[in-house]
Amino acid sequence: KILVTGAAGFIGGQLWHTLWKRGDEVVGIDNFSYGNL
């Protein structure tokens, strides 16, 4: 079980996607000051 902060950023989003493809349970959080859906 993994937390990714800044999950809607350039790096955070791709990290989340990689972890998801690997089968990890991921929670992603972002305050969207820089992140984007």
Full PDB file with SEQRES, HELIX, SHEET, SSBOND, CRYST1, ORIGX, SCALE, CONECT and MASTER records, all heavy atoms in Angstrom:
SEQRES   1 A   37  LYS ILE LEU VAL THR GLY ALA ALA GLY PHE ILE GLY GLY          
SEQRES   2 A   37  GLN LEU TRP HIS THR LEU TRP LYS ARG GLY ASP GLU VAL          
SEQRES   3 A   37  VAL GLY ILE ASP ASN PHE SER TYR GLY ASN LEU                  
HELIX    1 AA1 PHE A   10  ARG A   22  1                                  13    
SHEET    1 AA1 2 ILE A   2  THR A   5  0                                        
SHEET    2 AA1 2 VAL A  26  ILE A  29  1                                        
CRYST1    1.000    1.000    1.000  90.00  90.00  90.00 P 1           1          
ORIGX1      1.000000  0.000000  0.000000        0.00000                         
ORIGX2      0.000000  1.000000  0.000000        0.00000                         
ORIGX3      0.000000  0.000000  1.000000        0.00000                         
SCALE1      1.000000  0.000000  0.000000        0.00000                         
SCALE2      0.000000  1.000000  0.000000        0.00000                         
SCALE3      0.000000  0.000000  1.000000        0.00000                         
ATOM      1  N   LYS A   1       0.847  -1.188   0.000  1.00  0.00           N  
ATOM      2  CA  LYS A   1       0.000   0.000   0.000  1.00  0.00           C  
ATOM      3  C   LYS A   1       0.883   1.238   0.000  1.00  0.00           C  
ATOM      4  O   LYS A   1       1.736   1.411   0.879  1.00  0.00           O  
ATOM      5  CB  LYS A   1      -0.939   0.016   1.202  1.00  0.00           C  
ATOM      6  CG  LYS A   1      -2.030   1.074   1.078  1.00  0.00           C  
ATOM      7  CD  LYS A   1      -3.199   0.785   1.975  1.00  0.00           C  
ATOM      8  CE  LYS A   1      -4.387   1.664   1.645  1.00  0.00           C  
ATOM      9  NZ  LYS A   1      -5.546   1.369   2.522  1.00  0.00           N  
ATOM     10  N   ILE A   2       0.668   2.101  -0.969  1.00  0.00           N  
ATOM     11  CA  ILE A   2       1.589   3.202  -1.220  1.00  0.00           C  
ATOM     12  C   ILE A   2       0.836   4.519  -1.326  1.00  0.00           C  
ATOM     13  O   ILE A   2      -0.228   4.601  -1.948  1.00  0.00           O  
ATOM     14  CB  ILE A   2       2.374   2.944  -2.516  1.00  0.00           C  
ATOM     15  CG1 ILE A   2       3.218   1.664  -2.379  1.00  0.00           C  
ATOM     16  CG2 ILE A   2       3.262   4.135  -2.875  1.00  0.00           C  
ATOM     17  CD1 ILE A   2       3.909   1.238  -3.658  1.00  0.00           C  
ATOM     18  N   LEU A   3       1.412   5.571  -0.747  1.00  0.00           N  
ATOM     19  CA  LEU A   3       0.915   6.935  -0.908  1.00  0.00           C  
ATOM     20  C   LEU A   3       1.830   7.675  -1.866  1.00  0.00           C  
ATOM     21  O   LEU A   3       3.052   7.644  -1.726  1.00  0.00           O  
ATOM     22  CB  LEU A   3       0.886   7.671   0.435  1.00  0.00           C  
ATOM     23  CG  LEU A   3       0.575   9.178   0.364  1.00  0.00           C  
ATOM     24  CD1 LEU A   3      -0.858   9.414  -0.111  1.00  0.00           C  
ATOM     25  CD2 LEU A   3       0.817   9.841   1.718  1.00  0.00           C  
ATOM     26  N   VAL A   4       1.233   8.365  -2.846  1.00  0.00           N  
ATOM     27  CA  VAL A   4       1.972   9.246  -3.740  1.00  0.00           C  
ATOM     28  C   VAL A   4       1.417  10.650  -3.557  1.00  0.00           C  
ATOM     29  O   VAL A   4       0.239  10.893  -3.829  1.00  0.00           O  
ATOM     30  CB  VAL A   4       1.845   8.819  -5.216  1.00  0.00           C  
ATOM     31  CG1 VAL A   4       2.557   9.821  -6.125  1.00  0.00           C  
ATOM     32  CG2 VAL A   4       2.413   7.418  -5.436  1.00  0.00           C  
ATOM     33  N   THR A   5       2.234  11.570  -3.075  1.00  0.00           N  
ATOM     34  CA  THR A   5       1.822  12.970  -2.992  1.00  0.00           C  
ATOM     35  C   THR A   5       2.263  13.680  -4.275  1.00  0.00           C  
ATOM     36  O   THR A   5       3.155  13.218  -4.979  1.00  0.00           O  
ATOM     37  CB  THR A   5       2.444  13.681  -1.780  1.00  0.00           C  
ATOM     38  OG1 THR A   5       3.843  13.901  -2.030  1.00  0.00           O  
ATOM     39  CG2 THR A   5       2.277  12.843  -0.521  1.00  0.00           C  
ATOM     40  N   GLY A   6       1.606  14.792  -4.587  1.00  0.00           N  
ATOM     41  CA  GLY A   6       1.890  15.434  -5.865  1.00  0.00           C  
ATOM     42  C   GLY A   6       1.520  14.528  -7.019  1.00  0.00           C  
ATOM     43  O   GLY A   6       2.141  14.537  -8.081  1.00  0.00           O  
ATOM     44  N   ALA A   7       0.466  13.749  -6.821  1.00  0.00           N  
ATOM     45  CA  ALA A   7       0.119  12.673  -7.753  1.00  0.00           C  
ATOM     46  C   ALA A   7      -0.390  13.178  -9.098  1.00  0.00           C  
ATOM     47  O   ALA A   7      -0.393  12.425 -10.069  1.00  0.00           O  
ATOM     48  CB  ALA A   7      -0.933  11.757  -7.118  1.00  0.00           C  
ATOM     49  N   ALA A   8      -0.829  14.429  -9.173  1.00  0.00           N  
ATOM     50  CA  ALA A   8      -1.343  14.968 -10.429  1.00  0.00           C  
ATOM     51  C   ALA A   8      -0.302  15.786 -11.175  1.00  0.00           C  
ATOM     52  O   ALA A   8      -0.633  16.544 -12.085  1.00  0.00           O  
ATOM     53  CB  ALA A   8      -2.589  15.815 -10.177  1.00  0.00           C  
ATOM     54  N   GLY A   9       0.961  15.627 -10.801  1.00  0.00           N  
ATOM     55  CA  GLY A   9       2.037  16.312 -11.499  1.00  0.00           C  
ATOM     56  C   GLY A   9       2.643  15.446 -12.584  1.00  0.00           C  
ATOM     57  O   GLY A   9       2.284  14.277 -12.762  1.00  0.00           O  
ATOM     58  N   PHE A  10       3.586  16.002 -13.309  1.00  0.00           N  
ATOM     59  CA  PHE A  10       4.276  15.309 -14.397  1.00  0.00           C  
ATOM     60  C   PHE A  10       4.907  14.006 -13.924  1.00  0.00           C  
ATOM     61  O   PHE A  10       4.704  12.936 -14.519  1.00  0.00           O  
ATOM     62  CB  PHE A  10       5.318  16.272 -14.983  1.00  0.00           C  
ATOM     63  CG  PHE A  10       6.427  15.638 -15.777  1.00  0.00           C  
ATOM     64  CD1 PHE A  10       6.163  14.698 -16.764  1.00  0.00           C  
ATOM     65  CD2 PHE A  10       7.751  16.013 -15.557  1.00  0.00           C  
ATOM     66  CE1 PHE A  10       7.199  14.131 -17.506  1.00  0.00           C  
ATOM     67  CE2 PHE A  10       8.783  15.457 -16.290  1.00  0.00           C  
ATOM     68  CZ  PHE A  10       8.510  14.517 -17.264  1.00  0.00           C  
ATOM     69  N   ILE A  11       5.649  14.039 -12.834  1.00  0.00           N  
ATOM     70  CA  ILE A  11       6.319  12.841 -12.323  1.00  0.00           C  
ATOM     71  C   ILE A  11       5.362  11.996 -11.494  1.00  0.00           C  
ATOM     72  O   ILE A  11       5.306  10.773 -11.637  1.00  0.00           O  
ATOM     73  CB  ILE A  11       7.557  13.228 -11.494  1.00  0.00           C  
ATOM     74  CG1 ILE A  11       8.575  13.963 -12.368  1.00  0.00           C  
ATOM     75  CG2 ILE A  11       8.201  11.989 -10.867  1.00  0.00           C  
ATOM     76  CD1 ILE A  11       9.728  14.582 -11.591  1.00  0.00           C  
ATOM     77  N   GLY A  12       4.599  12.625 -10.602  1.00  0.00           N  
ATOM     78  CA  GLY A  12       3.703  11.887  -9.715  1.00  0.00           C  
ATOM     79  C   GLY A  12       2.684  11.051 -10.458  1.00  0.00           C  
ATOM     80  O   GLY A  12       2.410   9.902 -10.083  1.00  0.00           O  
ATOM     81  N   GLY A  13       2.116  11.607 -11.533  1.00  0.00           N  
ATOM     82  CA  GLY A  13       1.123  10.863 -12.299  1.00  0.00           C  
ATOM     83  C   GLY A  13       1.713   9.625 -12.955  1.00  0.00           C  
ATOM     84  O   GLY A  13       1.097   8.553 -12.964  1.00  0.00           O  
ATOM     85  N   GLN A  14       2.905   9.752 -13.505  1.00  0.00           N  
ATOM     86  CA  GLN A  14       3.522   8.600 -14.164  1.00  0.00           C  
ATOM     87  C   GLN A  14       4.006   7.561 -13.159  1.00  0.00           C  
ATOM     88  O   GLN A  14       3.985   6.359 -13.436  1.00  0.00           O  
ATOM     89  CB  GLN A  14       4.657   9.079 -15.066  1.00  0.00           C  
ATOM     90  CG  GLN A  14       4.130   9.960 -16.195  1.00  0.00           C  
ATOM     91  CD  GLN A  14       5.114  10.151 -17.310  1.00  0.00           C  
ATOM     92  OE1 GLN A  14       5.481   9.210 -18.018  1.00  0.00           O  
ATOM     93  NE2 GLN A  14       5.547  11.386 -17.493  1.00  0.00           N  
ATOM     94  N   LEU A  15       4.429   8.013 -11.988  1.00  0.00           N  
ATOM     95  CA  LEU A  15       4.783   7.066 -10.927  1.00  0.00           C  
ATOM     96  C   LEU A  15       3.551   6.276 -10.493  1.00  0.00           C  
ATOM     97  O   LEU A  15       3.613   5.045 -10.338  1.00  0.00           O  
ATOM     98  CB  LEU A  15       5.382   7.815  -9.743  1.00  0.00           C  
ATOM     99  CG  LEU A  15       5.680   6.977  -8.494  1.00  0.00           C  
ATOM    100  CD1 LEU A  15       6.696   5.874  -8.794  1.00  0.00           C  
ATOM    101  CD2 LEU A  15       6.172   7.867  -7.354  1.00  0.00           C  
ATOM    102  N   TRP A  16       2.441   6.964 -10.273  1.00  0.00           N  
ATOM    103  CA  TRP A  16       1.189   6.297  -9.891  1.00  0.00           C  
ATOM    104  C   TRP A  16       0.811   5.253 -10.939  1.00  0.00           C  
ATOM    105  O   TRP A  16       0.469   4.103 -10.602  1.00  0.00           O  
ATOM    106  CB  TRP A  16       0.090   7.342  -9.751  1.00  0.00           C  
ATOM    107  CG  TRP A  16      -1.208   6.833  -9.178  1.00  0.00           C  
ATOM    108  CD1 TRP A  16      -1.562   5.546  -8.919  1.00  0.00           C  
ATOM    109  CD2 TRP A  16      -2.335   7.631  -8.779  1.00  0.00           C  
ATOM    110  NE1 TRP A  16      -2.824   5.478  -8.395  1.00  0.00           N  
ATOM    111  CE2 TRP A  16      -3.321   6.745  -8.297  1.00  0.00           C  
ATOM    112  CE3 TRP A  16      -2.591   9.003  -8.797  1.00  0.00           C  
ATOM    113  CZ2 TRP A  16      -4.557   7.207  -7.840  1.00  0.00           C  
ATOM    114  CZ3 TRP A  16      -3.820   9.450  -8.338  1.00  0.00           C  
ATOM    115  CH2 TRP A  16      -4.788   8.555  -7.865  1.00  0.00           C  
ATOM    116  N   HIS A  17       0.874   5.630 -12.201  1.00  0.00           N  
ATOM    117  CA  HIS A  17       0.509   4.707 -13.274  1.00  0.00           C  
ATOM    118  C   HIS A  17       1.397   3.467 -13.269  1.00  0.00           C  
ATOM    119  O   HIS A  17       0.918   2.335 -13.429  1.00  0.00           O  
ATOM    120  CB  HIS A  17       0.617   5.439 -14.616  1.00  0.00           C  
ATOM    121  CG  HIS A  17       0.169   4.626 -15.791  1.00  0.00           C  
ATOM    122  ND1 HIS A  17       0.925   4.472 -16.927  1.00  0.00           N  
ATOM    123  CD2 HIS A  17      -0.964   3.898 -16.007  1.00  0.00           C  
ATOM    124  CE1 HIS A  17       0.285   3.704 -17.789  1.00  0.00           C  
ATOM    125  NE2 HIS A  17      -0.862   3.333 -17.260  1.00  0.00           N  
ATOM    126  N   THR A  18       2.694   3.656 -13.058  1.00  0.00           N  
ATOM    127  CA  THR A  18       3.636   2.528 -13.025  1.00  0.00           C  
ATOM    128  C   THR A  18       3.335   1.603 -11.852  1.00  0.00           C  
ATOM    129  O   THR A  18       3.337   0.369 -11.994  1.00  0.00           O  
ATOM    130  CB  THR A  18       5.073   3.046 -12.937  1.00  0.00           C  
ATOM    131  OG1 THR A  18       5.357   3.876 -14.072  1.00  0.00           O  
ATOM    132  CG2 THR A  18       6.061   1.887 -12.899  1.00  0.00           C  
ATOM    133  N   LEU A  19       3.085   2.175 -10.682  1.00  0.00           N  
ATOM    134  CA  LEU A  19       2.765   1.372  -9.501  1.00  0.00           C  
ATOM    135  C   LEU A  19       1.458   0.615  -9.701  1.00  0.00           C  
ATOM    136  O   LEU A  19       1.328  -0.556  -9.306  1.00  0.00           O  
ATOM    137  CB  LEU A  19       2.675   2.267  -8.268  1.00  0.00           C  
ATOM    138  CG  LEU A  19       3.982   2.930  -7.821  1.00  0.00           C  
ATOM    139  CD1 LEU A  19       3.699   4.008  -6.781  1.00  0.00           C  
ATOM    140  CD2 LEU A  19       4.956   1.892  -7.263  1.00  0.00           C  
ATOM    141  N   TRP A  20       0.476   1.273 -10.291  1.00  0.00           N  
ATOM    142  CA  TRP A  20      -0.827   0.643 -10.557  1.00  0.00           C  
ATOM    143  C   TRP A  20      -0.666  -0.549 -11.499  1.00  0.00           C  
ATOM    144  O   TRP A  20      -1.245  -1.613 -11.275  1.00  0.00           O  
ATOM    145  CB  TRP A  20      -1.770   1.690 -11.152  1.00  0.00           C  
ATOM    146  CG  TRP A  20      -3.078   1.156 -11.630  1.00  0.00           C  
ATOM    147  CD1 TRP A  20      -4.182   0.856 -10.886  1.00  0.00           C  
ATOM    148  CD2 TRP A  20      -3.443   0.869 -12.994  1.00  0.00           C  
ATOM    149  NE1 TRP A  20      -5.199   0.397 -11.686  1.00  0.00           N  
ATOM    150  CE2 TRP A  20      -4.772   0.398 -12.989  1.00  0.00           C  
ATOM    151  CE3 TRP A  20      -2.764   0.974 -14.209  1.00  0.00           C  
ATOM    152  CZ2 TRP A  20      -5.431   0.034 -14.157  1.00  0.00           C  
ATOM    153  CZ3 TRP A  20      -3.421   0.603 -15.375  1.00  0.00           C  
ATOM    154  CH2 TRP A  20      -4.738   0.130 -15.336  1.00  0.00           C  
ATOM    155  N   LYS A  21       0.125  -0.379 -12.552  1.00  0.00           N  
ATOM    156  CA  LYS A  21       0.348  -1.482 -13.496  1.00  0.00           C  
ATOM    157  C   LYS A  21       1.059  -2.649 -12.819  1.00  0.00           C  
ATOM    158  O   LYS A  21       0.854  -3.812 -13.203  1.00  0.00           O  
ATOM    159  CB  LYS A  21       1.159  -0.997 -14.703  1.00  0.00           C  
ATOM    160  CG  LYS A  21       0.405  -0.079 -15.638  1.00  0.00           C  
ATOM    161  CD  LYS A  21       1.122   0.108 -16.961  1.00  0.00           C  
ATOM    162  CE  LYS A  21       2.459   0.771 -16.774  1.00  0.00           C  
ATOM    163  NZ  LYS A  21       3.130   1.010 -18.087  1.00  0.00           N  
ATOM    164  N   ARG A  22       1.867  -2.345 -11.810  1.00  0.00           N  
ATOM    165  CA  ARG A  22       2.582  -3.393 -11.098  1.00  0.00           C  
ATOM    166  C   ARG A  22       1.680  -4.139 -10.124  1.00  0.00           C  
ATOM    167  O   ARG A  22       2.040  -5.215  -9.617  1.00  0.00           O  
ATOM    168  CB  ARG A  22       3.771  -2.769 -10.359  1.00  0.00           C  
ATOM    169  CG  ARG A  22       4.789  -3.760  -9.885  1.00  0.00           C  
ATOM    170  CD  ARG A  22       5.976  -3.076  -9.251  1.00  0.00           C  
ATOM    171  NE  ARG A  22       5.660  -2.454  -7.963  1.00  0.00           N  
ATOM    172  CZ  ARG A  22       6.563  -1.965  -7.118  1.00  0.00           C  
ATOM    173  NH1 ARG A  22       7.846  -2.002  -7.451  1.00  0.00           N  
ATOM    174  NH2 ARG A  22       6.205  -1.421  -5.982  1.00  0.00           N  
ATOM    175  N   GLY A  23       0.520  -3.569  -9.816  1.00  0.00           N  
ATOM    176  CA  GLY A  23      -0.419  -4.231  -8.933  1.00  0.00           C  
ATOM    177  C   GLY A  23      -0.461  -3.707  -7.515  1.00  0.00           C  
ATOM    178  O   GLY A  23      -1.131  -4.286  -6.651  1.00  0.00           O  
ATOM    179  N   ASP A  24       0.246  -2.602  -7.249  1.00  0.00           N  
ATOM    180  CA  ASP A  24       0.229  -2.023  -5.907  1.00  0.00           C  
ATOM    181  C   ASP A  24      -1.089  -1.300  -5.656  1.00  0.00           C  
ATOM    182  O   ASP A  24      -1.749  -0.823  -6.586  1.00  0.00           O  
ATOM    183  CB  ASP A  24       1.385  -1.032  -5.743  1.00  0.00           C  
ATOM    184  CG  ASP A  24       2.736  -1.719  -5.765  1.00  0.00           C  
ATOM    185  OD1 ASP A  24       2.936  -2.645  -4.962  1.00  0.00           O  
ATOM    186  OD2 ASP A  24       3.591  -1.343  -6.587  1.00  0.00           O  
ATOM    187  N   GLU A  25      -1.454  -1.193  -4.389  1.00  0.00           N  
ATOM    188  CA  GLU A  25      -2.610  -0.397  -3.990  1.00  0.00           C  
ATOM    189  C   GLU A  25      -2.111   1.017  -3.706  1.00  0.00           C  
ATOM    190  O   GLU A  25      -1.315   1.227  -2.793  1.00  0.00           O  
ATOM    191  CB  GLU A  25      -3.267  -0.990  -2.742  1.00  0.00           C  
ATOM    192  CG  GLU A  25      -4.520  -0.251  -2.305  1.00  0.00           C  
ATOM    193  CD  GLU A  25      -5.152  -0.849  -1.062  1.00  0.00           C  
ATOM    194  OE1 GLU A  25      -4.642  -1.893  -0.584  1.00  0.00           O  
ATOM    195  OE2 GLU A  25      -6.136  -0.273  -0.561  1.00  0.00           O  
ATOM    196  N   VAL A  26      -2.571   1.975  -4.486  1.00  0.00           N  
ATOM    197  CA  VAL A  26      -2.020   3.327  -4.431  1.00  0.00           C  
ATOM    198  C   VAL A  26      -3.091   4.342  -4.072  1.00  0.00           C  
ATOM    199  O   VAL A  26      -4.197   4.316  -4.610  1.00  0.00           O  
ATOM    200  CB  VAL A  26      -1.380   3.720  -5.772  1.00  0.00           C  
ATOM    201  CG1 VAL A  26      -0.751   5.116  -5.683  1.00  0.00           C  
ATOM    202  CG2 VAL A  26      -0.333   2.692  -6.209  1.00  0.00           C  
ATOM    203  N   VAL A  27      -2.745   5.239  -3.159  1.00  0.00           N  
ATOM    204  CA  VAL A  27      -3.556   6.415  -2.869  1.00  0.00           C  
ATOM    205  C   VAL A  27      -2.775   7.617  -3.375  1.00  0.00           C  
ATOM    206  O   VAL A  27      -1.612   7.809  -3.010  1.00  0.00           O  
ATOM    207  CB  VAL A  27      -3.840   6.562  -1.361  1.00  0.00           C  
ATOM    208  CG1 VAL A  27      -4.540   7.897  -1.070  1.00  0.00           C  
ATOM    209  CG2 VAL A  27      -4.685   5.394  -0.862  1.00  0.00           C  
ATOM    210  N   GLY A  28      -3.402   8.416  -4.237  1.00  0.00           N  
ATOM    211  CA  GLY A  28      -2.751   9.606  -4.765  1.00  0.00           C  
ATOM    212  C   GLY A  28      -3.413  10.858  -4.240  1.00  0.00           C  
ATOM    213  O   GLY A  28      -4.646  10.953  -4.227  1.00  0.00           O  
ATOM    214  N   ILE A  29      -2.617  11.818  -3.771  1.00  0.00           N  
ATOM    215  CA  ILE A  29      -3.173  13.082  -3.286  1.00  0.00           C  
ATOM    216  C   ILE A  29      -2.467  14.247  -3.970  1.00  0.00           C  
ATOM    217  O   ILE A  29      -1.309  14.142  -4.379  1.00  0.00           O  
ATOM    218  CB  ILE A  29      -3.058  13.227  -1.746  1.00  0.00           C  
ATOM    219  CG1 ILE A  29      -1.592  13.352  -1.305  1.00  0.00           C  
ATOM    220  CG2 ILE A  29      -3.749  12.062  -1.047  1.00  0.00           C  
ATOM    221  CD1 ILE A  29      -1.434  13.705   0.170  1.00  0.00           C  
ATOM    222  N   ASP A  30      -3.196  15.358  -4.099  1.00  0.00           N  
ATOM    223  CA  ASP A  30      -2.645  16.561  -4.719  1.00  0.00           C  
ATOM    224  C   ASP A  30      -3.548  17.735  -4.336  1.00  0.00           C  
ATOM    225  O   ASP A  30      -4.763  17.560  -4.246  1.00  0.00           O  
ATOM    226  CB  ASP A  30      -2.601  16.413  -6.242  1.00  0.00           C  
ATOM    227  CG  ASP A  30      -1.590  17.332  -6.898  1.00  0.00           C  
ATOM    228  OD1 ASP A  30      -1.744  18.562  -6.786  1.00  0.00           O  
ATOM    229  OD2 ASP A  30      -0.642  16.814  -7.525  1.00  0.00           O  
ATOM    230  N   ASN A  31      -2.970  18.906  -4.115  1.00  0.00           N  
ATOM    231  CA  ASN A  31      -3.811  20.070  -3.826  1.00  0.00           C  
ATOM    232  C   ASN A  31      -4.097  20.897  -5.078  1.00  0.00           C  
ATOM    233  O   ASN A  31      -4.789  21.908  -5.023  1.00  0.00           O  
ATOM    234  CB  ASN A  31      -3.185  20.951  -2.741  1.00  0.00           C  
ATOM    235  CG  ASN A  31      -1.956  21.712  -3.230  1.00  0.00           C  
ATOM    236  OD1 ASN A  31      -1.455  21.496  -4.334  1.00  0.00           O  
ATOM    237  ND2 ASN A  31      -1.460  22.604  -2.394  1.00  0.00           N  
ATOM    238  N   PHE A  32      -3.542  20.479  -6.217  1.00  0.00           N  
ATOM    239  CA  PHE A  32      -3.786  21.072  -7.532  1.00  0.00           C  
ATOM    240  C   PHE A  32      -3.335  22.528  -7.638  1.00  0.00           C  
ATOM    241  O   PHE A  32      -3.855  23.279  -8.460  1.00  0.00           O  
ATOM    242  CB  PHE A  32      -5.258  20.916  -7.945  1.00  0.00           C  
ATOM    243  CG  PHE A  32      -5.594  19.498  -8.306  1.00  0.00           C  
ATOM    244  CD1 PHE A  32      -6.053  18.613  -7.338  1.00  0.00           C  
ATOM    245  CD2 PHE A  32      -5.401  19.030  -9.590  1.00  0.00           C  
ATOM    246  CE1 PHE A  32      -6.332  17.292  -7.657  1.00  0.00           C  
ATOM    247  CE2 PHE A  32      -5.679  17.713  -9.918  1.00  0.00           C  
ATOM    248  CZ  PHE A  32      -6.139  16.841  -8.951  1.00  0.00           C  
ATOM    249  N   SER A  33      -2.353  22.916  -6.855  1.00  0.00           N  
ATOM    250  CA  SER A  33      -1.755  24.231  -7.073  1.00  0.00           C  
ATOM    251  C   SER A  33      -0.886  24.211  -8.326  1.00  0.00           C  
ATOM    252  O   SER A  33      -0.745  25.221  -9.013  1.00  0.00           O  
ATOM    253  CB  SER A  33      -0.934  24.653  -5.856  1.00  0.00           C  
ATOM    254  OG  SER A  33       0.076  23.716  -5.570  1.00  0.00           O  
ATOM    255  N   TYR A  34      -0.298  23.058  -8.631  1.00  0.00           N  
ATOM    256  CA  TYR A  34       0.459  22.860  -9.862  1.00  0.00           C  
ATOM    257  C   TYR A  34      -0.037  21.638 -10.637  1.00  0.00           C  
ATOM    258  O   TYR A  34       0.135  21.563 -11.843  1.00  0.00           O  
ATOM    259  CB  TYR A  34       1.955  22.686  -9.559  1.00  0.00           C  
ATOM    260  CG  TYR A  34       2.616  23.931  -9.044  1.00  0.00           C  
ATOM    261  CD1 TYR A  34       2.638  24.220  -7.687  1.00  0.00           C  
ATOM    262  CD2 TYR A  34       3.212  24.836  -9.913  1.00  0.00           C  
ATOM    263  CE1 TYR A  34       3.238  25.370  -7.207  1.00  0.00           C  
ATOM    264  CE2 TYR A  34       3.815  25.991  -9.444  1.00  0.00           C  
ATOM    265  CZ  TYR A  34       3.820  26.250  -8.083  1.00  0.00           C  
ATOM    266  OH  TYR A  34       4.409  27.396  -7.625  1.00  0.00           O  
ATOM    267  N   GLY A  35      -0.627  20.687  -9.954  1.00  0.00           N  
ATOM    268  CA  GLY A  35      -1.077  19.465 -10.607  1.00  0.00           C  
ATOM    269  C   GLY A  35      -2.262  19.694 -11.523  1.00  0.00           C  
ATOM    270  O   GLY A  35      -2.932  20.729 -11.471  1.00  0.00           O  
ATOM    271  N   ASN A  36      -2.531  18.721 -12.380  1.00  0.00           N  
ATOM    272  CA  ASN A  36      -3.611  18.825 -13.349  1.00  0.00           C  
ATOM    273  C   ASN A  36      -4.183  17.435 -13.601  1.00  0.00           C  
ATOM    274  O   ASN A  36      -3.431  16.463 -13.726  1.00  0.00           O  
ATOM    275  CB  ASN A  36      -3.080  19.425 -14.650  1.00  0.00           C  
ATOM    276  CG  ASN A  36      -4.193  19.892 -15.564  1.00  0.00           C  
ATOM    277  OD1 ASN A  36      -4.919  19.076 -16.118  1.00  0.00           O  
ATOM    278  ND2 ASN A  36      -4.311  21.196 -15.728  1.00  0.00           N  
ATOM    279  N   LEU A  37      -5.492  17.356 -13.685  1.00  0.00           N  
ATOM    280  CA  LEU A  37      -6.135  16.062 -13.928  1.00  0.00           C  
ATOM    281  C   LEU A  37      -5.672  15.430 -15.237  1.00  0.00           C  
ATOM    282  O   LEU A  37      -5.709  14.205 -15.394  1.00  0.00           O  
ATOM    283  CB  LEU A  37      -7.653  16.210 -13.930  1.00  0.00           C  
ATOM    284  CG  LEU A  37      -8.315  16.392 -12.568  1.00  0.00           C  
ATOM    285  CD1 LEU A  37      -9.811  16.640 -12.738  1.00  0.00           C  
ATOM    286  CD2 LEU A  37      -8.079  15.180 -11.680  1.00  0.00           C  
TER     287      LEU A  37                                                      
MASTER        0    0    0    1    2    0    0    6  286    1    0    3          
END                                                                             
